Amino acid sequence: MPSGGGFQGRDSFAGKFIDFYQGAGGFAASIIIFVIGGAGLATTVIKRKTAA
């Protein structure tokens, strides 16, 4: 890791932002993506059944 980078300090805004996305934020994003993907799959199956 190069010294003097903006992402080194965990006290900085960037450090907190990265920690958030690696922790609760990333977990929430994964759930949202999973729900959207599942809903899209369900609508596709329903449309195919009604079309058939």
PDB file of N, CA and C in Angstrom:
ATOM      1  N   MET A   1       0.839  -1.192   0.000  1.00  0.00           N
ATOM      2  CA  MET A   1       0.000   0.000   0.000  1.00  0.00           C
ATOM      3  C   MET A   1       0.870   1.235   0.000  1.00  0.00           C
ATOM      4  N   PRO A   2       0.671   2.122  -0.941  1.00  0.00           N
ATOM      5  CA  PRO A   2       1.483   3.349  -0.964  1.00  0.00           C
ATOM      6  C   PRO A   2       1.081   4.285   0.173  1.00  0.00           C
ATOM      7  N   SER A   3       2.070   4.941   0.751  1.00  0.00           N
ATOM      8  CA  SER A   3       1.785   5.852   1.860  1.00  0.00           C
ATOM      9  C   SER A   3       1.304   7.195   1.328  1.00  0.00           C
ATOM     10  N   GLY A   4       0.532   7.909   2.123  1.00  0.00           N
ATOM     11  CA  GLY A   4       0.053   9.231   1.729  1.00  0.00           C
ATOM     12  C   GLY A   4      -1.211   9.174   0.896  1.00  0.00           C
ATOM     13  N   GLY A   5      -1.830   7.988   0.745  1.00  0.00           N
ATOM     14  CA  GLY A   5      -3.058   7.876  -0.036  1.00  0.00           C
ATOM     15  C   GLY A   5      -4.256   8.380   0.741  1.00  0.00           C
ATOM     16  N   GLY A   6      -5.311   8.759   0.055  1.00  0.00           N
ATOM     17  CA  GLY A   6      -6.500   9.282   0.711  1.00  0.00           C
ATOM     18  C   GLY A   6      -7.346   8.196   1.353  1.00  0.00           C
ATOM     19  N   PHE A   7      -7.105   6.928   1.013  1.00  0.00           N
ATOM     20  CA  PHE A   7      -7.938   5.841   1.513  1.00  0.00           C
ATOM     21  C   PHE A   7      -7.290   5.098   2.680  1.00  0.00           C
ATOM     22  N   GLN A   8      -6.143   5.604   3.162  1.00  0.00           N
ATOM     23  CA  GLN A   8      -5.449   4.904   4.242  1.00  0.00           C
ATOM     24  C   GLN A   8      -6.143   5.111   5.581  1.00  0.00           C
ATOM     25  N   GLY A   9      -6.474   6.366   5.893  1.00  0.00           N
ATOM     26  CA  GLY A   9      -7.015   6.688   7.212  1.00  0.00           C
ATOM     27  C   GLY A   9      -8.461   6.264   7.360  1.00  0.00           C
ATOM     28  N   ARG A  10      -8.745   5.452   8.373  1.00  0.00           N
ATOM     29  CA  ARG A  10     -10.114   5.031   8.633  1.00  0.00           C
ATOM     30  C   ARG A  10     -10.926   6.160   9.262  1.00  0.00           C
ATOM     31  N   ASP A  11     -10.252   7.198   9.760  1.00  0.00           N
ATOM     32  CA  ASP A  11     -10.953   8.328  10.361  1.00  0.00           C
ATOM     33  C   ASP A  11     -11.472   9.279   9.293  1.00  0.00           C
ATOM     34  N   SER A  12     -10.949   9.167   8.075  1.00  0.00           N
ATOM     35  CA  SER A  12     -11.357  10.060   6.998  1.00  0.00           C
ATOM     36  C   SER A  12     -12.752   9.690   6.502  1.00  0.00           C
ATOM     37  N   PHE A  13     -13.359  10.596   5.764  1.00  0.00           N
ATOM     38  CA  PHE A  13     -14.697  10.354   5.217  1.00  0.00           C
ATOM     39  C   PHE A  13     -14.679   9.165   4.259  1.00  0.00           C
ATOM     40  N   ALA A  14     -13.656   9.085   3.414  1.00  0.00           N
ATOM     41  CA  ALA A  14     -13.538   7.991   2.451  1.00  0.00           C
ATOM     42  C   ALA A  14     -13.429   6.653   3.172  1.00  0.00           C
ATOM     43  N   GLY A  15     -12.657   6.624   4.255  1.00  0.00           N
ATOM     44  CA  GLY A  15     -12.485   5.388   5.022  1.00  0.00           C
ATOM     45  C   GLY A  15     -13.796   4.922   5.621  1.00  0.00           C
ATOM     46  N   LYS A  16     -14.562   5.862   6.184  1.00  0.00           N
ATOM     47  CA  LYS A  16     -15.860   5.515   6.768  1.00  0.00           C
ATOM     48  C   LYS A  16     -16.839   5.073   5.689  1.00  0.00           C
ATOM     49  N   PHE A  17     -16.774   5.730   4.545  1.00  0.00           N
ATOM     50  CA  PHE A  17     -17.659   5.399   3.425  1.00  0.00           C
ATOM     51  C   PHE A  17     -17.386   3.976   2.941  1.00  0.00           C
ATOM     52  N   ILE A  18     -16.100   3.619   2.806  1.00  0.00           N
ATOM     53  CA  ILE A  18     -15.706   2.271   2.375  1.00  0.00           C
ATOM     54  C   ILE A  18     -16.133   1.249   3.432  1.00  0.00           C
ATOM     55  N   ASP A  19     -15.918   1.553   4.700  1.00  0.00           N
ATOM     56  CA  ASP A  19     -16.321   0.640   5.778  1.00  0.00           C
ATOM     57  C   ASP A  19     -17.825   0.392   5.736  1.00  0.00           C
ATOM     58  N   PHE A  20     -18.585   1.448   5.460  1.00  0.00           N
ATOM     59  CA  PHE A  20     -20.045   1.318   5.413  1.00  0.00           C
ATOM     60  C   PHE A  20     -20.458   0.369   4.284  1.00  0.00           C
ATOM     61  N   TYR A  21     -19.864   0.544   3.119  1.00  0.00           N
ATOM     62  CA  TYR A  21     -20.245  -0.288   1.982  1.00  0.00           C
ATOM     63  C   TYR A  21     -19.746  -1.721   2.115  1.00  0.00           C
ATOM     64  N   GLN A  22     -18.635  -1.923   2.831  1.00  0.00           N
ATOM     65  CA  GLN A  22     -18.147  -3.282   3.058  1.00  0.00           C
ATOM     66  C   GLN A  22     -18.962  -3.967   4.147  1.00  0.00           C
ATOM     67  N   GLY A  23     -19.609  -3.185   5.006  1.00  0.00           N
ATOM     68  CA  GLY A  23     -20.373  -3.746   6.112  1.00  0.00           C
ATOM     69  C   GLY A  23     -21.860  -3.741   5.821  1.00  0.00           C
ATOM     70  N   ALA A  24     -22.618  -2.922   6.573  1.00  0.00           N
ATOM     71  CA  ALA A  24     -24.073  -2.914   6.487  1.00  0.00           C
ATOM     72  C   ALA A  24     -24.553  -2.473   5.105  1.00  0.00           C
ATOM     73  N   GLY A  25     -23.905  -1.477   4.520  1.00  0.00           N
ATOM     74  CA  GLY A  25     -24.331  -0.971   3.215  1.00  0.00           C
ATOM     75  C   GLY A  25     -24.236  -2.030   2.131  1.00  0.00           C
ATOM     76  N   GLY A  26     -23.124  -2.755   2.105  1.00  0.00           N
ATOM     77  CA  GLY A  26     -22.957  -3.819   1.114  1.00  0.00           C
ATOM     78  C   GLY A  26     -23.958  -4.929   1.325  1.00  0.00           C
ATOM     79  N   PHE A  27     -24.253  -5.239   2.587  1.00  0.00           N
ATOM     80  CA  PHE A  27     -25.220  -6.280   2.918  1.00  0.00           C
ATOM     81  C   PHE A  27     -26.612  -5.869   2.444  1.00  0.00           C
ATOM     82  N   ALA A  28     -26.986  -4.617   2.683  1.00  0.00           N
ATOM     83  CA  ALA A  28     -28.287  -4.108   2.248  1.00  0.00           C
ATOM     84  C   ALA A  28     -28.373  -4.098   0.727  1.00  0.00           C
ATOM     85  N   ALA A  29     -27.298  -3.686   0.062  1.00  0.00           N
ATOM     86  CA  ALA A  29     -27.283  -3.660  -1.397  1.00  0.00           C
ATOM     87  C   ALA A  29     -27.452  -5.059  -1.963  1.00  0.00           C
ATOM     88  N   SER A  30     -26.815  -6.047  -1.332  1.00  0.00           N
ATOM     89  CA  SER A  30     -26.938  -7.433  -1.783  1.00  0.00           C
ATOM     90  C   SER A  30     -28.379  -7.915  -1.670  1.00  0.00           C
ATOM     91  N   ILE A  31     -29.044  -7.565  -0.563  1.00  0.00           N
ATOM     92  CA  ILE A  31     -30.441  -7.964  -0.369  1.00  0.00           C
ATOM     93  C   ILE A  31     -31.328  -7.299  -1.411  1.00  0.00           C
ATOM     94  N   ILE A  32     -31.104  -5.998  -1.663  1.00  0.00           N
ATOM     95  CA  ILE A  32     -31.908  -5.264  -2.643  1.00  0.00           C
ATOM     96  C   ILE A  32     -31.743  -5.879  -4.028  1.00  0.00           C
ATOM     97  N   ILE A  33     -30.500  -6.176  -4.410  1.00  0.00           N
ATOM     98  CA  ILE A  33     -30.226  -6.785  -5.714  1.00  0.00           C
ATOM     99  C   ILE A  33     -30.895  -8.154  -5.797  1.00  0.00           C
ATOM    100  N   PHE A  34     -30.818  -8.924  -4.714  1.00  0.00           N
ATOM    101  CA  PHE A  34     -31.419 -10.256  -4.671  1.00  0.00           C
ATOM    102  C   PHE A  34     -32.942 -10.175  -4.822  1.00  0.00           C
ATOM    103  N   VAL A  35     -33.566  -9.215  -4.126  1.00  0.00           N
ATOM    104  CA  VAL A  35     -35.021  -9.048  -4.196  1.00  0.00           C
ATOM    105  C   VAL A  35     -35.443  -8.626  -5.598  1.00  0.00           C
ATOM    106  N   ILE A  36     -34.722  -7.663  -6.187  1.00  0.00           N
ATOM    107  CA  ILE A  36     -35.047  -7.196  -7.539  1.00  0.00           C
ATOM    108  C   ILE A  36     -34.886  -8.341  -8.542  1.00  0.00           C
ATOM    109  N   GLY A  37     -33.813  -9.105  -8.403  1.00  0.00           N
ATOM    110  CA  GLY A  37     -33.573 -10.238  -9.297  1.00  0.00           C
ATOM    111  C   GLY A  37     -34.654 -11.299  -9.150  1.00  0.00           C
ATOM    112  N   GLY A  38     -35.042 -11.591  -7.902  1.00  0.00           N
ATOM    113  CA  GLY A  38     -36.084 -12.590  -7.652  1.00  0.00           C
ATOM    114  C   GLY A  38     -37.420 -12.137  -8.205  1.00  0.00           C
ATOM    115  N   ALA A  39     -37.741 -10.844  -8.051  1.00  0.00           N
ATOM    116  CA  ALA A  39     -39.003 -10.314  -8.565  1.00  0.00           C
ATOM    117  C   ALA A  39     -39.016 -10.370 -10.091  1.00  0.00           C
ATOM    118  N   GLY A  40     -37.898 -10.036 -10.708  1.00  0.00           N
ATOM    119  CA  GLY A  40     -37.794 -10.092 -12.167  1.00  0.00           C
ATOM    120  C   GLY A  40     -37.973 -11.513 -12.682  1.00  0.00           C
ATOM    121  N   LEU A  41     -37.384 -12.475 -11.984  1.00  0.00           N
ATOM    122  CA  LEU A  41     -37.505 -13.887 -12.363  1.00  0.00           C
ATOM    123  C   LEU A  41     -38.953 -14.353 -12.219  1.00  0.00           C
ATOM    124  N   ALA A  42     -39.594 -13.946 -11.136  1.00  0.00           N
ATOM    125  CA  ALA A  42     -40.987 -14.337 -10.899  1.00  0.00           C
ATOM    126  C   ALA A  42     -41.906 -13.764 -11.972  1.00  0.00           C
ATOM    127  N   THR A  43     -41.735 -12.507 -12.328  1.00  0.00           N
ATOM    128  CA  THR A  43     -42.586 -11.885 -13.352  1.00  0.00           C
ATOM    129  C   THR A  43     -42.365 -12.553 -14.701  1.00  0.00           C
ATOM    130  N   THR A  44     -41.118 -12.954 -14.984  1.00  0.00           N
ATOM    131  CA  THR A  44     -40.820 -13.649 -16.240  1.00  0.00           C
ATOM    132  C   THR A  44     -41.540 -14.986 -16.296  1.00  0.00           C
ATOM    133  N   VAL A  45     -41.519 -15.729 -15.182  1.00  0.00           N
ATOM    134  CA  VAL A  45     -42.183 -17.039 -15.128  1.00  0.00           C
ATOM    135  C   VAL A  45     -43.694 -16.869 -15.273  1.00  0.00           C
ATOM    136  N   ILE A  46     -44.261 -15.861 -14.577  1.00  0.00           N
ATOM    137  CA  ILE A  46     -45.707 -15.619 -14.636  1.00  0.00           C
ATOM    138  C   ILE A  46     -46.115 -15.232 -16.061  1.00  0.00           C
ATOM    139  N   LYS A  47     -45.322 -14.376 -16.711  1.00  0.00           N
ATOM    140  CA  LYS A  47     -45.635 -13.948 -18.070  1.00  0.00           C
ATOM    141  C   LYS A  47     -45.580 -15.139 -19.023  1.00  0.00           C
ATOM    142  N   ARG A  48     -44.623 -16.022 -18.835  1.00  0.00           N
ATOM    143  CA  ARG A  48     -44.509 -17.197 -19.710  1.00  0.00           C
ATOM    144  C   ARG A  48     -45.696 -18.137 -19.507  1.00  0.00           C
ATOM    145  N   LYS A  49     -46.146 -18.264 -18.241  1.00  0.00           N
ATOM    146  CA  LYS A  49     -47.277 -19.165 -17.964  1.00  0.00           C
ATOM    147  C   LYS A  49     -48.570 -18.592 -18.551  1.00  0.00           C
ATOM    148  N   THR A  50     -48.763 -17.286 -18.451  1.00  0.00           N
ATOM    149  CA  THR A  50     -49.985 -16.674 -18.981  1.00  0.00           C
ATOM    150  C   THR A  50     -49.932 -16.650 -20.509  1.00  0.00           C
ATOM    151  N   ALA A  51     -48.753 -16.498 -21.087  1.00  0.00           N
ATOM    152  CA  ALA A  51     -48.614 -16.464 -22.537  1.00  0.00           C
ATOM    153  C   ALA A  51     -48.789 -17.847 -23.139  1.00  0.00           C
ATOM    154  N   ALA A  52     -48.386 -18.876 -22.429  1.00  0.00           N
ATOM    155  CA  ALA A  52     -48.459 -20.248 -22.957  1.00  0.00           C
ATOM    156  C   ALA A  52     -49.896 -20.727 -23.026  1.00  0.00           C
TER     157      ALA A  52
END
